[in-house]
Amino acid sequence: WRSLARTMDRAQQNELEAITDMFNKMTEQCFRKCVAVYKEPDLSVGEATCVDRCVHKYMTVHGKVQEILGQQAQQAQQAQ
């Protein structure tokens, strides 16, 4: 029972690390793409629009990749 609990804790930790990594990469990429000169404390309307679109695209693609990987894992499991 303890082994199962440790395995579940580790899986949760891995998932948290993956989500954190994805968020950090998305933040860095969208900031680099959308904010040319960092001189104001607030984003301009154009920068905010760019960031919104960038985040939306990043999350959409990430969701599709997760869906495909899940399907492949399911197919691999069924093939066994």
Protein backbone atom coordinates (compact mmCIF):
# COMPACT_ATOMS: atom_id res chain seq x y z
CA TRP A 1 0.00 0.00 0.00
CA ARG A 2 2.81 2.42 0.87
CA SER A 3 4.52 1.61 -2.40
CA LEU A 4 1.39 2.58 -4.30
CA ALA A 5 1.14 5.84 -2.34
CA ARG A 6 4.78 6.67 -3.12
CA THR A 7 4.22 5.89 -6.80
CA MET A 8 1.16 8.16 -6.87
CA ASP A 9 3.06 10.94 -5.08
CA ARG A 10 5.88 10.66 -7.60
CA ALA A 11 3.42 10.74 -10.52
CA GLN A 12 1.81 13.87 -9.09
CA GLN A 13 5.24 15.46 -8.62
CA ASN A 14 6.17 14.62 -12.23
CA GLU A 15 2.92 16.13 -13.49
CA LEU A 16 3.46 19.31 -11.46
CA GLU A 17 7.01 19.63 -12.81
CA ALA A 18 5.79 19.14 -16.39
CA ILE A 19 3.07 21.79 -15.99
CA THR A 20 5.54 24.22 -14.42
CA ASP A 21 8.04 23.61 -17.23
CA MET A 22 5.37 24.15 -19.89
CA PHE A 23 4.21 27.37 -18.22
CA ASN A 24 7.79 28.70 -17.98
CA LYS A 25 8.50 27.91 -21.64
CA MET A 26 5.22 29.47 -22.78
CA THR A 27 5.88 32.61 -20.73
CA GLU A 28 9.40 32.99 -22.09
CA GLN A 29 8.45 32.36 -25.72
CA CYS A 30 5.39 34.61 -25.73
CA PHE A 31 7.24 37.42 -23.93
CA ARG A 32 10.15 37.19 -26.38
CA LYS A 33 7.76 37.20 -29.34
CA CYS A 34 5.40 39.94 -28.18
CA VAL A 35 7.43 42.41 -26.14
CA ALA A 36 10.07 44.03 -28.32
CA VAL A 37 11.22 46.71 -25.89
CA TYR A 38 10.63 46.45 -22.16
CA LYS A 39 10.25 50.10 -21.17
CA GLU A 40 6.75 50.40 -19.67
CA PRO A 41 5.45 48.63 -16.56
CA ASP A 42 2.22 47.65 -18.38
CA LEU A 43 1.75 45.91 -21.71
CA SER A 44 0.50 48.00 -24.60
CA VAL A 45 -2.75 46.97 -26.28
CA GLY A 46 -0.79 45.41 -29.14
CA GLU A 47 1.51 43.51 -26.78
CA ALA A 48 -1.43 42.26 -24.69
CA THR A 49 -3.24 41.08 -27.83
CA CYS A 50 -0.10 39.33 -29.05
CA VAL A 51 0.43 37.61 -25.68
CA ASP A 52 -3.22 36.53 -25.56
CA ARG A 53 -3.00 34.96 -29.02
CA CYS A 54 0.37 33.40 -28.29
CA VAL A 55 -0.85 31.79 -25.06
CA HIS A 56 -4.02 30.56 -26.78
CA LYS A 57 -2.03 28.95 -29.61
CA TYR A 58 0.50 27.45 -27.20
CA MET A 59 -2.25 25.92 -25.04
CA THR A 60 -4.18 24.65 -28.08
CA VAL A 61 -1.12 22.95 -29.53
CA HIS A 62 -0.15 21.53 -26.13
CA GLY A 63 -3.66 20.10 -25.75
CA LYS A 64 -3.54 18.49 -29.19
CA VAL A 65 -0.11 16.98 -28.51
CA GLN A 66 -1.36 15.57 -25.19
CA GLU A 67 -4.40 14.12 -26.94
CA ILE A 68 -2.27 12.42 -29.61
CA LEU A 69 0.18 11.06 -27.03
CA GLY A 70 -2.72 9.72 -25.00
CA GLN A 71 -4.18 7.98 -28.04
CA GLN A 72 -0.80 6.45 -28.89
CA ALA A 73 -0.34 5.23 -25.32
CA GLN A 74 -3.82 3.71 -25.37
CA GLN A 75 -3.11 1.96 -28.69
CA ALA A 76 0.20 0.65 -27.38
CA GLN A 77 -1.50 -0.68 -24.26
CA GLN A 78 -4.20 -2.39 -26.31
CA ALA A 79 -1.58 -3.98 -28.58
CA GLN A 80 0.02 -5.75 -25.62
